[in-house]
Amino acid sequence: MLALYDNYCPKCTRFASWIRRWDWLRWVELKPLRDTSITDPCFDLSLAQKQLASLVGKWRYGYDTLCRIALRLPILWLFLPLFFLGKVTGVGDYLYKQIAIRRTVLHCDARHCKV
């Protein structure tokens, strides 16, 4: 599974490093969104800049990507019923979007950082 995270977002970068640490089976390939060029016509860059994006046959965004990651990390398998419940009720999508809206996006070059 390919997952793209926003490497201009400190929270997203920490989450990606957490996934790398716990992905013992190497089932999740993480790439930074801002440093990767995707030529797939089905890929929505503007949505990917707001939410996690993943590719397994079809592009998914946000909470769907979080669920896909949970399926591939054995340490999270205990929580799969909660992920499923969040998906079925819509609470997972709602909470994910609330967190995504409140995240900080930084862009740093050689001289300074912009928020």
Protein backbone atom coordinates (compact mmCIF):
# COMPACT_ATOMS: atom_id res chain seq x y z
CA MET A 1 0.00 0.00 0.00
CA LEU A 2 1.26 3.45 -0.90
CA ALA A 3 0.38 6.23 1.55
CA LEU A 4 1.17 9.89 0.99
CA TYR A 5 1.48 12.24 3.97
CA ASP A 6 1.88 16.02 4.01
CA ASN A 7 5.53 16.56 4.84
CA TYR A 8 4.85 20.28 5.51
CA CYS A 9 2.69 19.28 8.50
CA PRO A 10 4.57 18.43 11.74
CA LYS A 11 1.72 16.23 13.03
CA CYS A 12 1.57 14.31 9.76
CA THR A 13 5.33 13.82 9.75
CA ARG A 14 5.25 12.49 13.34
CA PHE A 15 2.40 10.14 12.41
CA ALA A 16 4.38 8.87 9.40
CA SER A 17 7.44 8.19 11.56
CA TRP A 18 5.20 6.34 14.05
CA ILE A 19 3.88 4.16 11.21
CA ARG A 20 7.42 3.44 10.01
CA ARG A 21 8.43 2.40 13.52
CA TRP A 22 5.51 -0.02 13.98
CA ASP A 23 5.24 -1.37 10.42
CA TRP A 24 7.36 -4.46 11.07
CA LEU A 25 6.03 -6.29 8.02
CA ARG A 26 6.67 -3.32 5.70
CA TRP A 27 3.14 -3.38 4.31
CA VAL A 28 2.85 0.42 4.18
CA GLU A 29 5.05 2.43 1.84
CA LEU A 30 5.07 6.05 3.00
CA LYS A 31 6.06 8.92 0.74
CA PRO A 32 6.06 12.66 1.38
CA LEU A 33 3.32 14.31 -0.65
CA ARG A 34 5.16 17.55 -1.42
CA ASP A 35 8.29 15.75 -2.69
CA THR A 36 6.47 13.18 -4.85
CA SER A 37 4.98 13.75 -8.27
CA ILE A 38 1.92 11.66 -9.07
CA THR A 39 0.82 11.48 -12.70
CA ASP A 40 -2.27 9.33 -12.12
CA PRO A 41 -5.30 11.20 -13.54
CA CYS A 42 -7.48 9.86 -10.71
CA PHE A 43 -5.24 11.44 -8.05
CA ASP A 44 -6.70 14.57 -6.42
CA LEU A 45 -3.76 16.72 -5.28
CA SER A 46 -5.88 19.38 -3.57
CA LEU A 47 -7.64 16.75 -1.45
CA ALA A 48 -4.36 14.97 -0.71
CA GLN A 49 -2.91 18.23 0.63
CA LYS A 50 -5.75 18.29 3.18
CA GLN A 51 -5.94 14.57 4.07
CA LEU A 52 -3.85 11.41 3.99
CA ALA A 53 -3.98 9.68 0.62
CA SER A 54 -3.49 5.99 -0.13
CA LEU A 55 -3.41 3.79 -3.19
CA VAL A 56 -4.46 0.16 -3.27
CA GLY A 57 -6.08 -0.20 -6.66
CA LYS A 58 -7.99 3.05 -6.10
CA TRP A 59 -7.07 6.34 -4.41
CA ARG A 60 -8.65 6.91 -0.99
CA TYR A 61 -8.33 9.89 1.33
CA GLY A 62 -8.68 10.77 5.00
CA TYR A 63 -10.26 8.27 7.37
CA ASP A 64 -10.37 5.59 4.67
CA THR A 65 -6.57 5.76 4.50
CA LEU A 66 -6.36 5.56 8.28
CA CYS A 67 -8.47 2.38 8.17
CA ARG A 68 -6.26 0.91 5.45
CA ILE A 69 -3.18 1.59 7.58
CA ALA A 70 -4.84 0.00 10.63
CA LEU A 71 -5.46 -3.16 8.57
CA ARG A 72 -1.73 -3.39 7.80
CA LEU A 73 -0.27 -2.72 11.26
CA PRO A 74 -0.61 -5.74 13.57
CA ILE A 75 -0.31 -3.48 16.63
CA LEU A 76 -3.60 -1.81 15.61
CA TRP A 77 -5.57 -4.98 14.88
CA LEU A 78 -7.03 -4.90 18.39
CA PHE A 79 -8.66 -1.56 17.49
CA LEU A 80 -10.14 -2.66 14.13
CA PRO A 81 -13.68 -2.92 15.59
CA LEU A 82 -13.41 0.75 16.65
CA PHE A 83 -12.17 1.76 13.20
CA PHE A 84 -15.07 -0.17 11.64
CA LEU A 85 -17.56 1.41 14.00
CA GLY A 86 -16.14 4.86 13.21
CA LYS A 87 -16.54 4.18 9.50
CA VAL A 88 -20.10 2.83 9.72
CA THR A 89 -21.37 5.64 11.95
CA GLY A 90 -19.46 8.42 10.20
CA VAL A 91 -17.84 9.50 13.47
CA GLY A 92 -14.39 8.50 12.21
CA ASP A 93 -14.67 10.72 9.12
CA TYR A 94 -15.97 13.60 11.22
CA LEU A 95 -13.18 13.36 13.82
CA TYR A 96 -10.52 12.95 11.15
CA LYS A 97 -11.71 16.07 9.30
CA GLN A 98 -11.78 18.08 12.53
CA ILE A 99 -8.15 17.14 13.23
CA ALA A 100 -7.13 17.78 9.62
CA ILE A 101 -8.72 21.25 9.65
CA ARG A 102 -6.79 22.25 12.77
CA ARG A 103 -3.37 21.07 11.66
CA THR A 104 -0.47 23.42 11.05
CA VAL A 105 1.22 23.47 7.65
CA LEU A 106 4.77 24.86 7.53
CA HIS A 107 6.92 25.47 4.53
CA CYS A 108 10.57 26.01 5.34
CA ASP A 109 13.29 27.10 2.95
CA ALA A 110 16.90 28.00 3.62
CA ARG A 111 16.05 31.32 5.31
CA HIS A 112 12.70 31.03 7.10
CA CYS A 113 9.49 29.10 7.62
CA LYS A 114 5.99 30.15 6.50
CA VAL A 115 2.78 29.01 8.17
